[in-house]
């Protein structure tokens, strides 16, 4: 999902900083299950996008809907 190692490291540093600010404001850590849920949502989103692109390439039709 990220273009290169340096870009990935910059993105992760920004995410960690944002999470740290939220945790400081709440006075509690973000639960691991919440981090996993977001990760699963991101992966599912990328998979759906790639399936739509592959379908559009094979049929010649662009689709904005992915029915699972």
PDB file of N, CA and C in Angstrom:
ATOM      1  N   UNK A   1       0.816  -1.189   0.000  1.00  0.00           N
ATOM      2  CA  UNK A   1       0.000   0.000   0.000  1.00  0.00           C
ATOM      3  C   UNK A   1       0.860   1.252   0.000  1.00  0.00           C
ATOM      4  N   UNK A   2       2.073   1.148   0.451  1.00  0.00           N
ATOM      5  CA  UNK A   2       2.955   2.298   0.497  1.00  0.00           C
ATOM      6  C   UNK A   2       4.009   2.157  -0.585  1.00  0.00           C
ATOM      7  N   UNK A   3       4.437   3.280  -1.122  1.00  0.00           N
ATOM      8  CA  UNK A   3       5.298   3.269  -2.297  1.00  0.00           C
ATOM      9  C   UNK A   3       6.699   2.745  -2.018  1.00  0.00           C
ATOM     10  N   UNK A   4       7.315   3.151  -0.928  1.00  0.00           N
ATOM     11  CA  UNK A   4       8.688   2.756  -0.679  1.00  0.00           C
ATOM     12  C   UNK A   4       8.960   2.722   0.826  1.00  0.00           C
ATOM     13  N   UNK A   5      10.110   2.219   1.205  1.00  0.00           N
ATOM     14  CA  UNK A   5      10.462   2.066   2.616  1.00  0.00           C
ATOM     15  C   UNK A   5      10.456   3.411   3.351  1.00  0.00           C
ATOM     16  N   UNK A   6      11.061   4.417   2.761  1.00  0.00           N
ATOM     17  CA  UNK A   6      11.117   5.730   3.419  1.00  0.00           C
ATOM     18  C   UNK A   6       9.711   6.313   3.588  1.00  0.00           C
ATOM     19  N   UNK A   7       8.882   6.169   2.578  1.00  0.00           N
ATOM     20  CA  UNK A   7       7.502   6.651   2.664  1.00  0.00           C
ATOM     21  C   UNK A   7       6.720   5.903   3.726  1.00  0.00           C
ATOM     22  N   UNK A   8       6.937   4.596   3.799  1.00  0.00           N
ATOM     23  CA  UNK A   8       6.261   3.783   4.809  1.00  0.00           C
ATOM     24  C   UNK A   8       6.682   4.218   6.209  1.00  0.00           C
ATOM     25  N   UNK A   9       7.964   4.459   6.402  1.00  0.00           N
ATOM     26  CA  UNK A   9       8.453   4.877   7.718  1.00  0.00           C
ATOM     27  C   UNK A   9       7.891   6.240   8.117  1.00  0.00           C
ATOM     28  N   UNK A  10       7.807   7.162   7.164  1.00  0.00           N
ATOM     29  CA  UNK A  10       7.227   8.488   7.465  1.00  0.00           C
ATOM     30  C   UNK A  10       5.751   8.358   7.828  1.00  0.00           C
ATOM     31  N   UNK A  11       5.032   7.532   7.081  1.00  0.00           N
ATOM     32  CA  UNK A  11       3.612   7.337   7.352  1.00  0.00           C
ATOM     33  C   UNK A  11       3.398   6.711   8.723  1.00  0.00           C
ATOM     34  N   UNK A  12       4.175   5.677   9.035  1.00  0.00           N
ATOM     35  CA  UNK A  12       4.040   5.033  10.345  1.00  0.00           C
ATOM     36  C   UNK A  12       4.397   5.988  11.481  1.00  0.00           C
ATOM     37  N   UNK A  13       5.385   6.834  11.276  1.00  0.00           N
ATOM     38  CA  UNK A  13       5.743   7.814  12.307  1.00  0.00           C
ATOM     39  C   UNK A  13       4.587   8.781  12.554  1.00  0.00           C
ATOM     40  N   UNK A  14       3.912   9.211  11.493  1.00  0.00           N
ATOM     41  CA  UNK A  14       2.755  10.106  11.651  1.00  0.00           C
ATOM     42  C   UNK A  14       1.607   9.400  12.361  1.00  0.00           C
ATOM     43  N   UNK A  15       1.383   8.140  12.019  1.00  0.00           N
ATOM     44  CA  UNK A  15       0.315   7.365  12.668  1.00  0.00           C
ATOM     45  C   UNK A  15       0.630   7.198  14.147  1.00  0.00           C
ATOM     46  N   UNK A  16       1.881   6.845  14.457  1.00  0.00           N
ATOM     47  CA  UNK A  16       2.261   6.680  15.872  1.00  0.00           C
ATOM     48  C   UNK A  16       2.092   7.980  16.646  1.00  0.00           C
ATOM     49  N   UNK A  17       2.466   9.102  16.028  1.00  0.00           N
ATOM     50  CA  UNK A  17       2.315  10.399  16.698  1.00  0.00           C
ATOM     51  C   UNK A  17       0.839  10.711  16.947  1.00  0.00           C
ATOM     52  N   UNK A  18       0.001  10.453  15.954  1.00  0.00           N
ATOM     53  CA  UNK A  18      -1.435  10.704  16.116  1.00  0.00           C
ATOM     54  C   UNK A  18      -2.024   9.807  17.200  1.00  0.00           C
ATOM     55  N   UNK A  19      -1.636   8.534  17.191  1.00  0.00           N
ATOM     56  CA  UNK A  19      -2.139   7.608  18.215  1.00  0.00           C
ATOM     57  C   UNK A  19      -1.664   8.036  19.598  1.00  0.00           C
ATOM     58  N   UNK A  20      -0.408   8.475  19.690  1.00  0.00           N
ATOM     59  CA  UNK A  20       0.116   8.930  20.972  1.00  0.00           C
ATOM     60  C   UNK A  20      -0.666  10.119  21.506  1.00  0.00           C
ATOM     61  N   UNK A  21      -1.017  11.040  20.633  1.00  0.00           N
ATOM     62  CA  UNK A  21      -1.794  12.215  21.046  1.00  0.00           C
ATOM     63  C   UNK A  21      -3.183  11.804  21.534  1.00  0.00           C
ATOM     64  N   UNK A  22      -3.808  10.867  20.837  1.00  0.00           N
ATOM     65  CA  UNK A  22      -5.135  10.378  21.255  1.00  0.00           C
ATOM     66  C   UNK A  22      -5.030   9.672  22.603  1.00  0.00           C
ATOM     67  N   UNK A  23      -4.022   8.824  22.741  1.00  0.00           N
ATOM     68  CA  UNK A  23      -3.851   8.100  24.003  1.00  0.00           C
ATOM     69  C   UNK A  23      -3.576   9.049  25.166  1.00  0.00           C
ATOM     70  N   UNK A  24      -2.763  10.066  24.929  1.00  0.00           N
ATOM     71  CA  UNK A  24      -2.492  11.054  25.975  1.00  0.00           C
ATOM     72  C   UNK A  24      -3.765  11.790  26.370  1.00  0.00           C
ATOM     73  N   UNK A  25      -4.567  12.169  25.388  1.00  0.00           N
ATOM     74  CA  UNK A  25      -5.800  12.906  25.667  1.00  0.00           C
ATOM     75  C   UNK A  25      -6.807  12.030  26.424  1.00  0.00           C
ATOM     76  N   UNK A  26      -6.860  10.750  26.084  1.00  0.00           N
ATOM     77  CA  UNK A  26      -7.791   9.825  26.738  1.00  0.00           C
ATOM     78  C   UNK A  26      -7.270   9.352  28.084  1.00  0.00           C
ATOM     79  N   UNK A  27      -5.956   9.382  28.240  1.00  0.00           N
ATOM     80  CA  UNK A  27      -5.368   8.826  29.447  1.00  0.00           C
ATOM     81  C   UNK A  27      -5.353   7.313  29.432  1.00  0.00           C
ATOM     82  N   UNK A  28      -5.457   6.732  28.239  1.00  0.00           N
ATOM     83  CA  UNK A  28      -5.458   5.273  28.096  1.00  0.00           C
ATOM     84  C   UNK A  28      -4.944   4.914  26.708  1.00  0.00           C
ATOM     85  N   UNK A  29      -4.430   3.702  26.601  1.00  0.00           N
ATOM     86  CA  UNK A  29      -3.929   3.235  25.309  1.00  0.00           C
ATOM     87  C   UNK A  29      -5.087   2.827  24.405  1.00  0.00           C
ATOM     88  N   UNK A  30      -4.856   2.924  23.108  1.00  0.00           N
ATOM     89  CA  UNK A  30      -5.821   2.409  22.132  1.00  0.00           C
ATOM     90  C   UNK A  30      -5.726   0.885  22.190  1.00  0.00           C
ATOM     91  N   UNK A  31      -6.857   0.188  22.346  1.00  0.00           N
ATOM     92  CA  UNK A  31      -6.804  -1.276  22.464  1.00  0.00           C
ATOM     93  C   UNK A  31      -6.284  -1.941  21.188  1.00  0.00           C
ATOM     94  N   UNK A  32      -5.583  -3.051  21.352  1.00  0.00           N
ATOM     95  CA  UNK A  32      -5.036  -3.777  20.201  1.00  0.00           C
ATOM     96  C   UNK A  32      -6.130  -4.204  19.238  1.00  0.00           C
ATOM     97  N   UNK A  33      -7.317  -4.576  19.753  1.00  0.00           N
ATOM     98  CA  UNK A  33      -8.389  -5.008  18.856  1.00  0.00           C
ATOM     99  C   UNK A  33      -8.804  -3.874  17.929  1.00  0.00           C
ATOM    100  N   UNK A  34      -8.733  -2.637  18.414  1.00  0.00           N
ATOM    101  CA  UNK A  34      -9.108  -1.498  17.562  1.00  0.00           C
ATOM    102  C   UNK A  34      -8.090  -1.322  16.437  1.00  0.00           C
ATOM    103  N   UNK A  35      -6.811  -1.489  16.761  1.00  0.00           N
ATOM    104  CA  UNK A  35      -5.779  -1.397  15.723  1.00  0.00           C
ATOM    105  C   UNK A  35      -5.944  -2.502  14.693  1.00  0.00           C
ATOM    106  N   UNK A  36      -6.260  -3.726  15.152  1.00  0.00           N
ATOM    107  CA  UNK A  36      -6.480  -4.837  14.220  1.00  0.00           C
ATOM    108  C   UNK A  36      -7.689  -4.586  13.332  1.00  0.00           C
ATOM    109  N   UNK A  37      -8.755  -4.061  13.916  1.00  0.00           N
ATOM    110  CA  UNK A  37      -9.958  -3.780  13.120  1.00  0.00           C
ATOM    111  C   UNK A  37      -9.651  -2.806  11.989  1.00  0.00           C
ATOM    112  N   UNK A  38      -8.894  -1.769  12.286  1.00  0.00           N
ATOM    113  CA  UNK A  38      -8.535  -0.788  11.250  1.00  0.00           C
ATOM    114  C   UNK A  38      -7.659  -1.440  10.185  1.00  0.00           C
ATOM    115  N   UNK A  39      -6.716  -2.266  10.617  1.00  0.00           N
ATOM    116  CA  UNK A  39      -5.868  -2.965   9.659  1.00  0.00           C
ATOM    117  C   UNK A  39      -6.709  -3.846   8.735  1.00  0.00           C
ATOM    118  N   UNK A  40      -7.643  -4.607   9.303  1.00  0.00           N
ATOM    119  CA  UNK A  40      -8.512  -5.461   8.485  1.00  0.00           C
ATOM    120  C   UNK A  40      -9.349  -4.636   7.505  1.00  0.00           C
ATOM    121  N   UNK A  41      -9.842  -3.486   7.950  1.00  0.00           N
ATOM    122  CA  UNK A  41     -10.612  -2.620   7.049  1.00  0.00           C
ATOM    123  C   UNK A  41      -9.756  -2.125   5.892  1.00  0.00           C
ATOM    124  N   UNK A  42      -8.513  -1.746   6.174  1.00  0.00           N
ATOM    125  CA  UNK A  42      -7.619  -1.286   5.115  1.00  0.00           C
ATOM    126  C   UNK A  42      -7.321  -2.398   4.116  1.00  0.00           C
ATOM    127  N   UNK A  43      -7.039  -3.583   4.618  1.00  0.00           N
ATOM    128  CA  UNK A  43      -6.751  -4.715   3.735  1.00  0.00           C
ATOM    129  C   UNK A  43      -7.967  -5.038   2.873  1.00  0.00           C
ATOM    130  N   UNK A  44      -9.146  -5.079   3.490  1.00  0.00           N
ATOM    131  CA  UNK A  44     -10.371  -5.372   2.735  1.00  0.00           C
ATOM    132  C   UNK A  44     -10.617  -4.325   1.664  1.00  0.00           C
ATOM    133  N   UNK A  45     -10.365  -3.069   1.991  1.00  0.00           N
ATOM    134  CA  UNK A  45     -10.557  -1.987   1.022  1.00  0.00           C
ATOM    135  C   UNK A  45      -9.630  -2.151  -0.181  1.00  0.00           C
ATOM    136  N   UNK A  46      -8.374  -2.477   0.072  1.00  0.00           N
ATOM    137  CA  UNK A  46      -7.416  -2.675  -1.021  1.00  0.00           C
ATOM    138  C   UNK A  46      -7.818  -3.875  -1.866  1.00  0.00           C
ATOM    139  N   UNK A  47      -8.232  -4.961  -1.222  1.00  0.00           N
ATOM    140  CA  UNK A  47      -8.668  -6.139  -1.976  1.00  0.00           C
ATOM    141  C   UNK A  47      -9.867  -5.827  -2.858  1.00  0.00           C
ATOM    142  N   UNK A  48     -10.851  -5.122  -2.314  1.00  0.00           N
ATOM    143  CA  UNK A  48     -12.028  -4.774  -3.118  1.00  0.00           C
ATOM    144  C   UNK A  48     -11.639  -3.896  -4.300  1.00  0.00           C
ATOM    145  N   UNK A  49     -10.766  -2.932  -4.065  1.00  0.00           N
ATOM    146  CA  UNK A  49     -10.329  -2.054  -5.161  1.00  0.00           C
ATOM    147  C   UNK A  49      -9.646  -2.868  -6.244  1.00  0.00           C
ATOM    148  N   UNK A  50      -8.767  -3.787  -5.847  1.00  0.00           N
ATOM    149  CA  UNK A  50      -8.052  -4.588  -6.841  1.00  0.00           C
ATOM    150  C   UNK A  50      -8.988  -5.523  -7.594  1.00  0.00           C
ATOM    151  N   UNK A  51      -9.982  -6.067  -6.913  1.00  0.00           N
ATOM    152  CA  UNK A  51     -10.962  -6.921  -7.589  1.00  0.00           C
ATOM    153  C   UNK A  51     -11.759  -6.110  -8.605  1.00  0.00           C
ATOM    154  N   UNK A  52     -12.178  -4.901  -8.223  1.00  0.00           N
ATOM    155  CA  UNK A  52     -12.915  -4.046  -9.166  1.00  0.00           C
ATOM    156  C   UNK A  52     -12.065  -3.722 -10.384  1.00  0.00           C
ATOM    157  N   UNK A  53     -10.783  -3.413 -10.149  1.00  0.00           N
ATOM    158  CA  UNK A  53      -9.897  -3.085 -11.276  1.00  0.00           C
ATOM    159  C   UNK A  53      -9.708  -4.283 -12.192  1.00  0.00           C
ATOM    160  N   UNK A  54      -9.514  -5.457 -11.604  1.00  0.00           N
ATOM    161  CA  UNK A  54      -9.326  -6.660 -12.415  1.00  0.00           C
ATOM    162  C   UNK A  54     -10.590  -6.975 -13.203  1.00  0.00           C
ATOM    163  N   UNK A  55     -11.735  -6.809 -12.565  1.00  0.00           N
ATOM    164  CA  UNK A  55     -13.002  -7.068 -13.241  1.00  0.00           C
ATOM    165  C   UNK A  55     -13.201  -6.090 -14.392  1.00  0.00           C
ATOM    166  N   UNK A  56     -12.902  -4.827 -14.147  1.00  0.00           N
ATOM    167  CA  UNK A  56     -13.054  -3.813 -15.196  1.00  0.00           C
ATOM    168  C   UNK A  56     -12.110  -4.097 -16.358  1.00  0.00           C
ATOM    169  N   UNK A  57     -10.902  -4.535 -16.053  1.00  0.00           N
ATOM    170  CA  UNK A  57      -9.925  -4.826 -17.109  1.00  0.00           C
ATOM    171  C   UNK A  57     -10.355  -6.032 -17.946  1.00  0.00           C
ATOM    172  N   UNK A  58     -10.958  -7.031 -17.298  1.00  0.00           N
ATOM    173  CA  UNK A  58     -11.327  -8.236 -18.033  1.00  0.00           C
ATOM    174  C   UNK A  58     -12.619  -8.076 -18.813  1.00  0.00           C
ATOM    175  N   UNK A  59     -13.512  -7.201 -18.348  1.00  0.00           N
ATOM    176  CA  UNK A  59     -14.799  -7.041 -19.034  1.00  0.00           C
ATOM    177  C   UNK A  59     -14.861  -5.784 -19.893  1.00  0.00           C
ATOM    178  N   UNK A  60     -13.927  -4.878 -19.659  1.00  0.00           N
ATOM    179  CA  UNK A  60     -13.956  -3.618 -20.379  1.00  0.00           C
ATOM    180  C   UNK A  60     -14.942  -2.644 -19.787  1.00  0.00           C
ATOM    181  N   UNK A  61     -15.566  -3.011 -18.656  1.00  0.00           N
ATOM    182  CA  UNK A  61     -16.543  -2.134 -17.990  1.00  0.00           C
ATOM    183  C   UNK A  61     -16.029  -1.761 -16.619  1.00  0.00           C
ATOM    184  N   UNK A  62     -16.164  -0.504 -16.280  1.00  0.00           N
ATOM    185  CA  UNK A  62     -15.779  -0.051 -14.954  1.00  0.00           C
ATOM    186  C   UNK A  62     -16.947  -0.213 -14.000  1.00  0.00           C
ATOM    187  N   UNK A  63     -16.673  -0.710 -12.804  1.00  0.00           N
ATOM    188  CA  UNK A  63     -17.710  -0.912 -11.805  1.00  0.00           C
ATOM    189  C   UNK A  63     -17.295  -0.263 -10.494  1.00  0.00           C
ATOM    190  N   UNK A  64     -18.220   0.428  -9.866  1.00  0.00           N
ATOM    191  CA  UNK A  64     -17.955   1.020  -8.566  1.00  0.00           C
ATOM    192  C   UNK A  64     -18.530   0.173  -7.435  1.00  0.00           C
ATOM    193  N   UNK A  65     -19.064  -0.984  -7.758  1.00  0.00           N
ATOM    194  CA  UNK A  65     -19.695  -1.835  -6.765  1.00  0.00           C
ATOM    195  C   UNK A  65     -18.973  -3.164  -6.711  1.00  0.00           C
ATOM    196  N   UNK A  66     -18.749  -3.635  -5.504  1.00  0.00           N
ATOM    197  CA  UNK A  66     -18.154  -4.951  -5.305  1.00  0.00           C
ATOM    198  C   UNK A  66     -19.114  -5.761  -4.451  1.00  0.00           C
ATOM    199  N   UNK A  67     -19.788  -6.736  -5.033  1.00  0.00           N
ATOM    200  CA  UNK A  67     -20.742  -7.566  -4.297  1.00  0.00           C
ATOM    201  C   UNK A  67     -20.056  -8.826  -3.818  1.00  0.00           C
ATOM    202  N   UNK A  68     -19.930  -8.951  -2.515  1.00  0.00           N
ATOM    203  CA  UNK A  68     -19.295 -10.140  -1.931  1.00  0.00           C
ATOM    204  C   UNK A  68     -20.337 -10.971  -1.295  1.00  0.00           C
TER     205      UNK A  68
END
